[in-house]
Protein backbone atom coordinates (compact mmCIF):
# COMPACT_ATOMS: atom_id res chain seq x y z
CA UNK A 1 25.32 1.44 -37.54
CA UNK A 2 24.80 1.98 -34.24
CA UNK A 3 25.31 -1.68 -33.15
CA UNK A 4 28.84 -1.48 -34.78
CA UNK A 5 29.96 1.51 -33.26
CA UNK A 6 29.03 -0.06 -30.01
CA UNK A 7 31.22 -3.06 -30.65
CA UNK A 8 34.07 -0.82 -31.50
CA UNK A 9 33.66 1.00 -28.57
CA UNK A 10 33.51 -2.18 -26.23
CA UNK A 11 36.69 -3.16 -28.30
CA UNK A 12 38.54 -0.36 -27.22
CA UNK A 13 37.45 -0.32 -23.69
CA UNK A 14 38.67 -4.04 -23.74
CA UNK A 15 41.95 -2.66 -25.06
CA UNK A 16 42.51 -0.30 -22.30
CA UNK A 17 41.29 -3.07 -19.80
CA UNK A 18 44.33 -5.13 -21.22
CA UNK A 19 46.75 -2.60 -21.19
CA UNK A 20 45.87 -1.74 -17.43
CA UNK A 21 46.35 -5.18 -16.84
CA UNK A 22 49.47 -5.70 -18.31
CA UNK A 23 50.65 -2.30 -16.46
CA UNK A 24 49.47 -4.01 -12.96
CA UNK A 25 51.31 -7.34 -13.88
CA UNK A 26 54.49 -5.77 -14.69
CA UNK A 27 54.21 -3.54 -11.72
CA UNK A 28 53.38 -6.51 -9.36
CA UNK A 29 56.52 -8.54 -11.03
CA UNK A 30 58.90 -5.73 -10.35
CA UNK A 31 57.86 -5.49 -6.84
CA UNK A 32 58.17 -9.20 -6.29
CA UNK A 33 61.61 -9.07 -7.97
CA UNK A 34 62.67 -6.08 -5.81
CA UNK A 35 61.45 -7.91 -2.76
CA UNK A 36 63.60 -10.94 -3.52
CA UNK A 37 66.70 -9.12 -4.93
CA UNK A 38 67.01 -6.08 -2.40
CA UNK A 39 70.77 -5.54 -3.22
CA UNK A 40 70.38 -5.80 -6.72
CA UNK A 41 70.90 -2.94 -8.95
CA UNK A 42 68.06 -2.75 -11.56
CA UNK A 43 68.52 -0.43 -14.83
CA UNK A 44 66.49 2.24 -15.81
CA UNK A 45 65.58 0.48 -19.02
CA UNK A 46 64.29 -2.62 -17.47
CA UNK A 47 60.89 -1.18 -15.83
CA UNK A 48 60.29 0.72 -18.79
CA UNK A 49 60.66 -2.39 -21.05
CA UNK A 50 58.51 -4.35 -18.64
CA UNK A 51 56.02 -1.60 -18.57
CA UNK A 52 55.58 -1.23 -22.18
CA UNK A 53 55.95 -4.96 -22.98
CA UNK A 54 53.18 -5.77 -20.65
CA UNK A 55 50.96 -3.05 -21.42
CA UNK A 56 51.36 -4.06 -25.30
CA UNK A 57 50.89 -7.63 -24.57
CA UNK A 58 47.72 -7.16 -22.37
CA UNK A 59 46.26 -5.02 -25.06
CA UNK A 60 46.91 -7.48 -27.97
CA UNK A 61 45.41 -10.36 -25.79
CA UNK A 62 42.14 -8.52 -25.33
CA UNK A 63 42.17 -7.16 -28.77
CA UNK A 64 42.15 -10.88 -30.03
CA UNK A 65 39.71 -11.83 -27.63
CA UNK A 66 37.58 -9.06 -27.78
CA UNK A 67 34.92 -10.30 -30.25
CA UNK A 68 34.57 -13.42 -28.18
CA UNK A 69 34.28 -11.73 -24.93
CA UNK A 70 31.70 -9.29 -26.52
CA UNK A 71 29.69 -12.54 -27.69
CA UNK A 72 29.88 -14.18 -24.21
CA UNK A 73 28.73 -10.98 -22.45
CA UNK A 74 25.96 -10.30 -24.85
CA UNK A 75 24.71 -13.97 -24.60
CA UNK A 76 25.00 -13.73 -20.68
CA UNK A 77 22.89 -10.43 -20.67
CA UNK A 78 20.47 -11.97 -22.80
CA UNK A 79 19.97 -14.86 -20.53
CA UNK A 80 19.71 -12.67 -17.60
CA UNK A 81 17.42 -10.37 -19.25
CA UNK A 82 15.09 -13.28 -20.17
CA UNK A 83 15.56 -14.68 -16.30
CA UNK A 84 14.23 -11.34 -15.27
CA UNK A 85 11.44 -11.29 -17.66
CA UNK A 86 9.96 -14.30 -15.97
CA UNK A 87 10.52 -13.55 -12.45
CA UNK A 88 7.16 -11.89 -11.06
CA UNK A 89 7.76 -8.26 -9.91
CA UNK A 90 7.50 -9.01 -6.11
CA UNK A 91 9.94 -11.82 -6.71
CA UNK A 92 12.58 -9.58 -8.50
CA UNK A 93 12.08 -6.81 -5.75
CA UNK A 94 12.88 -9.28 -2.85
CA UNK A 95 15.87 -10.72 -5.10
CA UNK A 96 17.55 -7.40 -5.57
CA UNK A 97 16.79 -6.31 -2.01
CA UNK A 98 18.74 -9.53 -0.91
CA UNK A 99 21.50 -8.85 -3.21
CA UNK A 100 22.08 -5.48 -1.46
CA UNK A 101 21.51 -7.06 2.21
CA UNK A 102 24.26 -9.59 1.08
CA UNK A 103 26.73 -6.99 -0.30
CA UNK A 104 26.30 -4.82 3.06
CA UNK A 105 27.22 -7.78 5.05
CA UNK A 106 30.13 -8.35 2.88
CA UNK A 107 30.95 -4.77 3.44
CA UNK A 108 30.82 -5.13 7.09
CA UNK A 109 32.77 -8.30 7.32
CA UNK A 110 35.75 -6.81 5.10
CA UNK A 111 35.74 -3.89 7.68
CA UNK A 112 36.18 -6.70 10.63
CA UNK A 113 38.81 -8.32 8.45
CA UNK A 114 40.87 -5.37 7.89
CA UNK A 115 44.02 -6.86 9.17
CA UNK A 116 44.06 -8.63 5.59
CA UNK A 117 45.01 -5.11 4.43
CA UNK A 118 44.75 -3.52 0.84
CA UNK A 119 47.27 -6.28 -0.89
CA UNK A 120 46.98 -9.06 -2.77
CA UNK A 121 45.27 -11.25 -0.09
CA UNK A 122 43.02 -8.37 0.82
CA UNK A 123 41.61 -7.85 -2.77
CA UNK A 124 41.04 -11.54 -3.19
CA UNK A 125 39.22 -11.64 0.27
CA UNK A 126 37.22 -8.50 -0.82
CA UNK A 127 36.12 -10.00 -4.25
CA UNK A 128 35.30 -13.44 -2.59
CA UNK A 129 33.12 -11.92 0.18
CA UNK A 130 31.34 -9.60 -2.36
CA UNK A 131 30.62 -12.49 -4.70
CA UNK A 132 29.80 -15.07 -2.23
CA UNK A 133 27.40 -13.03 0.19
CA UNK A 134 25.95 -11.03 -2.87
CA UNK A 135 24.95 -14.28 -4.84
CA UNK A 136 24.02 -15.82 -1.28
CA UNK A 137 21.63 -12.93 -0.75
CA UNK A 138 20.19 -12.73 -4.22
CA UNK A 139 19.21 -16.45 -4.14
CA UNK A 140 17.40 -16.24 -0.59
CA UNK A 141 15.71 -13.37 -1.78
CA UNK A 142 14.19 -15.06 -4.82
CA UNK A 143 13.58 -18.17 -3.15
CA UNK A 144 11.92 -16.55 0.03
CA UNK A 145 10.05 -14.05 -1.89
CA UNK A 146 6.75 -15.27 -0.70
CA UNK A 147 7.48 -15.34 2.81
CA UNK A 148 9.03 -11.93 2.66
CA UNK A 149 5.83 -10.46 1.04
CA UNK A 150 3.44 -12.12 3.76
CA UNK A 151 5.88 -10.56 6.30
CA UNK A 152 5.11 -7.24 4.22
CA UNK A 153 1.23 -7.93 4.05
CA UNK A 154 1.33 -8.60 7.97
CA UNK A 155 2.95 -5.66 9.00
CA UNK A 156 1.17 -3.37 6.66
CA UNK A 157 -2.09 -5.00 7.74
CA UNK A 158 -1.05 -4.46 11.36
CA UNK A 159 -1.04 -0.57 10.68
CA UNK A 160 -4.11 -0.94 8.81
CA UNK A 161 -5.96 -2.45 11.43
CA UNK A 162 -4.83 0.16 13.86
CA UNK A 163 -5.68 2.97 11.37
CA UNK A 164 -9.43 1.46 10.99
CA UNK A 165 -9.81 1.06 14.46
CA UNK A 166 -8.76 4.45 15.18
CA UNK A 167 -9.89 6.31 12.09
CA UNK A 168 -13.01 4.28 10.72
CA UNK A 169 -11.09 3.43 7.52
CA UNK A 170 -12.87 0.67 5.30
CA UNK A 171 -11.19 -2.71 5.98
CA UNK A 172 -9.71 -4.77 3.20
CA UNK A 173 -11.90 -6.99 1.51
CA UNK A 174 -10.72 -10.61 0.90
CA UNK A 175 -12.83 -12.35 -1.88
CA UNK A 176 -13.03 -16.33 -1.69
CA UNK A 177 -13.34 -18.63 -4.53
CA UNK A 178 -17.08 -19.12 -4.03
CA UNK A 179 -17.71 -15.45 -4.18
CA UNK A 180 -15.71 -15.05 -7.43
CA UNK A 181 -17.71 -18.03 -8.95
CA UNK A 182 -21.25 -16.90 -7.81
CA UNK A 183 -20.43 -13.45 -9.56
CA UNK A 184 -22.57 -11.09 -7.89
CA UNK A 185 -20.04 -9.38 -5.83
CA UNK A 186 -18.58 -7.71 -9.10
CA UNK A 187 -22.10 -5.91 -9.69
CA UNK A 188 -22.26 -5.00 -5.98
CA UNK A 189 -18.61 -3.59 -6.00
CA UNK A 190 -19.62 -1.58 -9.07
CA UNK A 191 -22.17 0.35 -7.52
CA UNK A 192 -19.55 1.50 -4.90
CA UNK A 193 -21.53 0.32 -2.10
CA UNK A 194 -18.88 -1.76 -0.68
CA UNK A 195 -15.70 0.58 0.32
CA UNK A 196 -12.06 -0.36 0.68
CA UNK A 197 -9.50 -2.49 -1.31
CA UNK A 198 -10.68 -5.68 -2.69
CA UNK A 199 -7.92 -8.54 -1.98
CA UNK A 200 -7.74 -11.94 -4.16
CA UNK A 201 -4.67 -13.88 -2.70
CA UNK A 202 -2.72 -15.46 -5.46
CA UNK A 203 -3.58 -18.96 -3.78
CA UNK A 204 -7.37 -18.22 -4.63
CA UNK A 205 -6.52 -17.53 -8.13
CA UNK A 206 -4.48 -21.02 -8.26
CA UNK A 207 -7.49 -22.61 -6.56
CA UNK A 208 -9.57 -21.17 -9.43
CA UNK A 209 -7.26 -22.66 -12.00
CA UNK A 210 -7.18 -26.18 -10.38
CA UNK A 211 -10.90 -25.89 -10.59
CA UNK A 212 -11.14 -24.97 -14.28
CA UNK A 213 -8.68 -27.81 -15.14
CA UNK A 214 -11.00 -30.46 -13.23
CA UNK A 215 -12.15 -33.46 -15.28
CA UNK A 216 -15.79 -33.21 -14.15
CA UNK A 217 -17.40 -31.02 -16.80
CA UNK A 218 -19.84 -29.30 -14.18
CA UNK A 219 -16.77 -28.64 -11.83
CA UNK A 220 -14.67 -27.32 -14.85
CA UNK A 221 -17.64 -25.05 -16.07
CA UNK A 222 -17.68 -23.32 -12.73
CA UNK A 223 -13.89 -22.86 -12.72
CA UNK A 224 -13.81 -21.15 -16.05
CA UNK A 225 -16.70 -18.85 -14.86
CA UNK A 226 -14.65 -17.77 -12.07
CA UNK A 227 -11.48 -16.73 -14.16
CA UNK A 228 -13.99 -15.14 -16.58
CA UNK A 229 -15.40 -13.27 -13.63
CA UNK A 230 -12.10 -12.52 -12.17
CA UNK A 231 -10.85 -11.17 -15.45
CA UNK A 232 -13.77 -8.71 -15.58
CA UNK A 233 -13.01 -7.49 -11.95
CA UNK A 234 -9.63 -6.69 -12.91
CA UNK A 235 -10.74 -4.81 -15.76
CA UNK A 236 -13.58 -2.77 -13.78
CA UNK A 237 -12.16 -2.44 -10.27
CA UNK A 238 -9.39 -0.22 -9.76
CA UNK A 239 -9.21 -1.10 -5.98
CA UNK A 240 -8.69 -4.84 -6.78
CA UNK A 241 -5.37 -6.24 -5.73
CA UNK A 242 -3.91 -9.66 -6.41
CA UNK A 243 -1.65 -10.63 -3.33
CA UNK A 244 1.17 -12.73 -4.01
CA UNK A 245 1.81 -13.40 -0.26
CA UNK A 246 1.33 -16.90 0.73
CA UNK A 247 1.15 -19.12 4.18
CA UNK A 248 3.24 -22.00 3.11
CA UNK A 249 2.85 -24.11 6.19
CA UNK A 250 -0.95 -24.07 5.66
CA UNK A 251 -2.51 -26.03 2.69
CA UNK A 252 -6.16 -25.35 2.89
CA UNK A 253 -7.12 -22.17 1.09
CA UNK A 254 -9.94 -21.21 3.53
CA UNK A 255 -7.87 -21.56 6.44
CA UNK A 256 -5.23 -19.32 4.76
CA UNK A 257 -7.78 -16.86 3.76
CA UNK A 258 -9.04 -16.33 7.39
CA UNK A 259 -5.54 -16.34 8.70
CA UNK A 260 -4.62 -13.33 6.29
CA UNK A 261 -7.94 -11.54 6.95
CA UNK A 262 -7.20 -12.02 10.41
CA UNK A 263 -3.58 -10.70 10.52
CA UNK A 264 -4.49 -7.54 8.18
CA UNK A 265 -7.66 -6.62 10.12
CA UNK A 266 -9.52 -7.75 6.79
CA UNK A 267 -13.07 -8.59 6.09
CA UNK A 268 -13.92 -12.09 4.17
CA UNK A 269 -16.45 -11.85 1.38
CA UNK A 270 -18.20 -15.08 0.55
CA UNK A 271 -21.19 -17.49 -0.10
CA UNK A 272 -19.89 -20.15 1.83
CA UNK A 273 -22.12 -20.57 4.89
CA UNK A 274 -19.40 -23.15 6.68
CA UNK A 275 -16.62 -20.19 5.80
CA UNK A 276 -18.95 -17.71 7.60
CA UNK A 277 -19.30 -19.59 10.39
CA UNK A 278 -15.58 -20.61 10.66
CA UNK A 279 -14.66 -16.77 10.18
CA UNK A 280 -17.12 -16.07 13.14
CA UNK A 281 -15.13 -18.67 15.31
CA UNK A 282 -11.66 -16.94 13.97
CA UNK A 283 -12.90 -13.84 15.22
CA UNK A 284 -12.90 -12.74 11.62
CA UNK A 285 -15.66 -10.21 10.02
CA UNK A 286 -17.25 -11.65 6.92
CA UNK A 287 -19.96 -10.42 4.24
CA UNK A 288 -22.11 -13.09 2.92
CA UNK A 289 -23.41 -12.11 -0.57
CA UNK A 290 -26.52 -14.45 0.16
CA UNK A 291 -27.44 -12.38 3.07
CA UNK A 292 -27.10 -9.09 1.10
CA UNK A 293 -29.33 -10.80 -1.57
CA UNK A 294 -31.93 -11.76 1.07
CA UNK A 295 -31.77 -8.33 2.67
CA UNK A 296 -32.56 -6.50 -0.91
CA UNK A 297 -35.45 -8.92 -1.57
CA UNK A 298 -38.48 -6.85 -2.34
CA UNK A 299 -40.82 -6.64 0.69
CA UNK A 300 -43.77 -6.35 -1.91
CA UNK A 301 -44.06 -9.51 -4.38
CA UNK A 302 -46.53 -10.22 -7.24
CA UNK A 303 -49.99 -11.95 -5.73
CA UNK A 304 -49.63 -10.24 -2.23
CA UNK A 305 -52.60 -8.62 -0.87
CA UNK A 306 -52.41 -5.18 0.75
CA UNK A 307 -54.92 -2.14 1.99
CA UNK A 308 -54.06 1.13 0.55
CA UNK A 309 -55.59 4.71 0.38
CA UNK A 310 -56.29 5.66 -3.04
CA UNK A 311 -55.32 9.30 -3.13
CA UNK A 312 -55.49 10.48 -6.78
CA UNK A 313 -56.14 9.84 -10.29
CA UNK A 314 -53.36 7.71 -12.65
CA UNK A 315 -52.42 8.85 -15.87
CA UNK A 316 -54.14 6.46 -17.72
CA UNK A 317 -58.21 6.11 -17.79
CA UNK A 318 -59.82 4.48 -14.51
CA UNK A 319 -56.33 4.40 -12.86
CA UNK A 320 -55.94 5.40 -9.21
CA UNK A 321 -52.62 6.01 -7.56
CA UNK A 322 -51.79 5.45 -3.97
CA UNK A 323 -48.57 5.46 -2.08
CA UNK A 324 -46.97 2.98 0.53
CA UNK A 325 -45.52 4.46 3.91
CA UNK A 326 -41.97 4.36 2.17
CA UNK A 327 -43.38 6.75 -0.78
CA UNK A 328 -43.47 3.83 -3.34
CA UNK A 329 -46.12 4.52 -5.77
CA UNK A 330 -48.84 2.00 -6.51
CA UNK A 331 -50.81 2.17 -9.67
CA UNK A 332 -54.33 0.52 -9.21
CA UNK A 333 -56.11 -0.53 -12.08
CA UNK A 334 -59.77 0.57 -11.98
CA UNK A 335 -58.97 2.62 -8.90
CA UNK A 336 -60.69 6.00 -9.81
CA UNK A 337 -63.92 4.57 -8.70
CA UNK A 338 -62.29 4.03 -4.86
CA UNK A 339 -60.80 7.82 -5.31
CA UNK A 340 -60.23 8.96 -1.53
CA UNK A 341 -61.11 5.77 0.22
CA UNK A 342 -59.07 2.79 1.47
CA UNK A 343 -59.38 -0.28 -0.88
CA UNK A 344 -58.23 -3.94 -0.70
CA UNK A 345 -55.71 -4.57 -3.61
CA UNK A 346 -53.68 -7.66 -5.13
CA UNK A 347 -50.40 -6.77 -6.35
CA UNK A 348 -49.80 -8.07 -10.22
CA UNK A 349 -46.51 -6.74 -10.86
CA UNK A 350 -43.56 -5.04 -9.28
CA UNK A 351 -41.13 -2.85 -11.57
CA UNK A 352 -37.62 -1.97 -10.14
CA UNK A 353 -35.79 0.83 -11.74
CA UNK A 354 -32.72 2.97 -11.28
CA UNK A 355 -35.14 5.71 -10.04
CA UNK A 356 -37.03 3.54 -7.75
CA UNK A 357 -39.61 1.03 -7.46
CA UNK A 358 -43.23 0.71 -8.76
CA UNK A 359 -46.09 -1.47 -7.73
CA UNK A 360 -48.93 -2.21 -10.19
CA UNK A 361 -52.25 -3.72 -8.48
CA UNK A 362 -55.79 -4.41 -9.08
CA UNK A 363 -58.83 -4.11 -6.95
CA UNK A 364 -59.37 -7.24 -4.94
C-alpha cells in the first residue's frame, strides 16, 4: 500500500512538473513571438489558449511517461545505492567532498561569468558548469581517496607529534606484518602495558592476504595465522585502527611503514631485526617484541645454583622458606634442618603466577 501511494504521489508530482514545463514553454514562445512581431496586435484569448493548451499538453505527456520515468529513476537509484555500498567509507567521504568542492568552484565561475545574464544562455551555462564540475570533483575525490587520506594522516600526525613532544602523550604504534604473524603483541597489548593507538595500515593487511594466498604451504600457513591474529586483535583491542592511507609512489611495505611512522611521529612494532635497524637509521622509534621477551625472561631458571638464608619453616613438613632480594619466595625441600642459616641450594622449578613468582629448590 505504501509503495502504491508513493507511486501515485510521484505521478502527481510529474504531472505538476509537466504543467510547469508547458507554461514555461508557452511563455517562452509568446516572448519570442512578441520580440519578432513587435507591431502585431495579439488578441487576449491567444495567450490564455497558449498557456492552457501547453499546460494540458505538458501534464498529459508526463502522465503518459510517468510509469517509465519512475521505473528508470528507481533503477538508477538502486544502481547508485549499490555503488555507494561497494565504496569504502573513506572513499565515499572524499568523493562527496570532491563533489562539494566542484559545486563551489562552479558557483564561483558562474559569478565571474555573470555577463551571460539570467536568460536561456545563463541557465544553460549554469547547468553545464554545475553538472560538469560537480561530476569532475566527485570522480577526482573517488579516485584520489588514498592520497587524500594520506595527506590527512600526515597533517594529523604532525599535530600528534607536536602534542607528544609537548605533553608526553603516547605515540601511535604501527604494527608490521612480522609482529602480527608472531602473535605475541596481542597478548602484550591486552595487558595494557603498551599505551597509545595501534595502527595497522591497509597495505600491511594486503600483504598478509598475499602471504595467505601463497602456493608454498608453510608460507600460506603463516599468512593465515597472521589474518587470524589480526581478526582477534580487531575484536579485543578498542584502540586498534586499520588505516586506509597509502603511499603509492613506494612499493616496499617496510619502507611505507617507516615513512608513515616517521611522518606521524609514531613507533614501529616488529620482530624483524633488519626493520628495526632500518628504523634506527630513519630516526624512527621501534619496539622489538623479541627484545621484550628477552627482558622478561626469568633471572632464575631450573638447575641454577644459589645461596640463600633460610628464615622460617614452610607449610609442608621439613620445608624451609627463604626470600631473594626482590622478595621472591624460595621454598627449600628439607630446608628446616638449616633454619636460621645460609644454605647452598639448587633450583628445581620456577612457578610464575599472576600474583608473582615462586621458586622451589632443594639443598645442594
